Amino acid sequence: MIALEPDRADVHLLLARSYFHSAQLSRAENMLTSIVERWPDDAYAHFVLSRTLQRQGRAEEGRRHLLLAEAMGYEG
């Protein structure tokens, strides 16, 4: 987790998105897993975690997070 902003989900998600977009998928996965554990109602984090897992060839693992994001109303 980010030491300077431990309670700010938006800061954590911004870092995770940076990792995702720069194809640092292991880092993105680790950060997003932490985010959805700490803030399980973050639909976008579940969506990006699903895409991260898909990009790593682990679509079946990502399906759960995609379904959760959709159930929460995310329409990515």
C-alpha atoms as a PDB file:
ATOM      1  CA  MET A   1       0.000   0.000   0.000  1.00  0.00           C
ATOM      2  CA  ILE A   2       0.977   3.610  -0.423  1.00  0.00           C
ATOM      3  CA  ALA A   3       2.468   4.850   2.833  1.00  0.00           C
ATOM      4  CA  LEU A   4       1.689   8.544   2.344  1.00  0.00           C
ATOM      5  CA  GLU A   5      -2.001   8.127   1.553  1.00  0.00           C
ATOM      6  CA  PRO A   6      -3.132   4.876   3.219  1.00  0.00           C
ATOM      7  CA  ASP A   7      -6.847   5.745   3.291  1.00  0.00           C
ATOM      8  CA  ARG A   8      -7.258   7.224  -0.185  1.00  0.00           C
ATOM      9  CA  ALA A   9      -8.636   4.656  -2.588  1.00  0.00           C
ATOM     10  CA  ASP A  10      -8.351   7.110  -5.487  1.00  0.00           C
ATOM     11  CA  VAL A  11      -4.580   7.418  -5.042  1.00  0.00           C
ATOM     12  CA  HIS A  12      -4.158   3.644  -4.905  1.00  0.00           C
ATOM     13  CA  LEU A  13      -6.315   3.215  -7.995  1.00  0.00           C
ATOM     14  CA  LEU A  14      -4.350   5.855  -9.899  1.00  0.00           C
ATOM     15  CA  LEU A  15      -1.123   3.976  -9.218  1.00  0.00           C
ATOM     16  CA  ALA A  16      -2.721   0.669 -10.218  1.00  0.00           C
ATOM     17  CA  ARG A  17      -3.980   2.206 -13.468  1.00  0.00           C
ATOM     18  CA  SER A  18      -0.481   3.541 -14.168  1.00  0.00           C
ATOM     19  CA  TYR A  19       0.928   0.054 -13.746  1.00  0.00           C
ATOM     20  CA  PHE A  20      -1.804  -1.402 -15.973  1.00  0.00           C
ATOM     21  CA  HIS A  21      -1.314   1.125 -18.780  1.00  0.00           C
ATOM     22  CA  SER A  22       2.454   0.699 -18.716  1.00  0.00           C
ATOM     23  CA  ALA A  23       2.041  -3.104 -18.898  1.00  0.00           C
ATOM     24  CA  GLN A  24       3.509  -3.694 -15.436  1.00  0.00           C
ATOM     25  CA  LEU A  25       0.808  -6.278 -14.961  1.00  0.00           C
ATOM     26  CA  SER A  26       2.174  -8.041 -11.888  1.00  0.00           C
ATOM     27  CA  ARG A  27       2.401  -4.742 -10.039  1.00  0.00           C
ATOM     28  CA  ALA A  28      -1.067  -3.774 -11.247  1.00  0.00           C
ATOM     29  CA  GLU A  29      -2.472  -7.104 -10.092  1.00  0.00           C
ATOM     30  CA  ASN A  30      -0.897  -6.759  -6.646  1.00  0.00           C
ATOM     31  CA  MET A  31      -2.147  -3.207  -6.194  1.00  0.00           C
ATOM     32  CA  LEU A  32      -5.645  -3.977  -7.499  1.00  0.00           C
ATOM     33  CA  THR A  33      -5.930  -7.082  -5.327  1.00  0.00           C
ATOM     34  CA  SER A  34      -5.115  -4.936  -2.307  1.00  0.00           C
ATOM     35  CA  ILE A  35      -7.662  -2.341  -3.391  1.00  0.00           C
ATOM     36  CA  VAL A  36     -10.535  -4.799  -3.827  1.00  0.00           C
ATOM     37  CA  GLU A  37      -9.693  -6.432  -0.508  1.00  0.00           C
ATOM     38  CA  ARG A  38      -9.735  -3.087   1.285  1.00  0.00           C
ATOM     39  CA  TRP A  39     -12.540  -1.446  -0.734  1.00  0.00           C
ATOM     40  CA  PRO A  40     -14.645  -4.349  -2.077  1.00  0.00           C
ATOM     41  CA  ASP A  41     -17.381  -2.006  -3.340  1.00  0.00           C
ATOM     42  CA  ASP A  42     -15.092  -0.364  -5.935  1.00  0.00           C
ATOM     43  CA  ALA A  43     -16.575  -1.601  -9.206  1.00  0.00           C
ATOM     44  CA  TYR A  44     -13.925   0.047 -11.362  1.00  0.00           C
ATOM     45  CA  ALA A  45     -11.112  -1.637  -9.411  1.00  0.00           C
ATOM     46  CA  HIS A  46     -12.777  -5.010  -9.990  1.00  0.00           C
ATOM     47  CA  PHE A  47     -13.076  -4.194 -13.696  1.00  0.00           C
ATOM     48  CA  VAL A  48      -9.417  -3.199 -14.068  1.00  0.00           C
ATOM     49  CA  LEU A  49      -8.343  -6.271 -12.084  1.00  0.00           C
ATOM     50  CA  SER A  50     -10.348  -8.436 -14.492  1.00  0.00           C
ATOM     51  CA  ARG A  51      -8.662  -6.764 -17.484  1.00  0.00           C
ATOM     52  CA  THR A  52      -5.245  -7.152 -15.849  1.00  0.00           C
ATOM     53  CA  LEU A  53      -5.797 -10.864 -15.365  1.00  0.00           C
ATOM     54  CA  GLN A  54      -7.100 -11.179 -18.940  1.00  0.00           C
ATOM     55  CA  ARG A  55      -3.978  -9.503 -20.303  1.00  0.00           C
ATOM     56  CA  GLN A  56      -1.911 -12.058 -18.402  1.00  0.00           C
ATOM     57  CA  GLY A  57      -3.796 -14.909 -20.064  1.00  0.00           C
ATOM     58  CA  ARG A  58      -5.853 -15.625 -16.935  1.00  0.00           C
ATOM     59  CA  ALA A  59      -9.300 -14.686 -18.212  1.00  0.00           C
ATOM     60  CA  GLU A  60     -11.097 -17.302 -16.134  1.00  0.00           C
ATOM     61  CA  GLU A  61      -9.692 -15.793 -12.928  1.00  0.00           C
ATOM     62  CA  GLY A  62     -10.665 -12.330 -14.130  1.00  0.00           C
ATOM     63  CA  ARG A  63     -14.231 -13.356 -14.930  1.00  0.00           C
ATOM     64  CA  ARG A  64     -15.247 -13.223 -11.251  1.00  0.00           C
ATOM     65  CA  HIS A  65     -14.115  -9.608 -10.976  1.00  0.00           C
ATOM     66  CA  LEU A  66     -15.789  -8.664 -14.251  1.00  0.00           C
ATOM     67  CA  LEU A  67     -19.078 -10.146 -13.030  1.00  0.00           C
ATOM     68  CA  LEU A  68     -18.753  -8.280  -9.725  1.00  0.00           C
ATOM     69  CA  ALA A  69     -18.099  -4.995 -11.531  1.00  0.00           C
ATOM     70  CA  GLU A  70     -21.123  -5.511 -13.762  1.00  0.00           C
ATOM     71  CA  ALA A  71     -23.304  -6.454 -10.775  1.00  0.00           C
ATOM     72  CA  MET A  72     -22.276  -3.162  -9.160  1.00  0.00           C
ATOM     73  CA  GLY A  73     -23.383  -1.283 -12.258  1.00  0.00           C
ATOM     74  CA  TYR A  74     -20.060  -0.705 -14.023  1.00  0.00           C
ATOM     75  CA  GLU A  75     -20.512  -0.606 -17.799  1.00  0.00           C
ATOM     76  CA  GLY A  76     -16.891  -0.520 -19.029  1.00  0.00           C
END
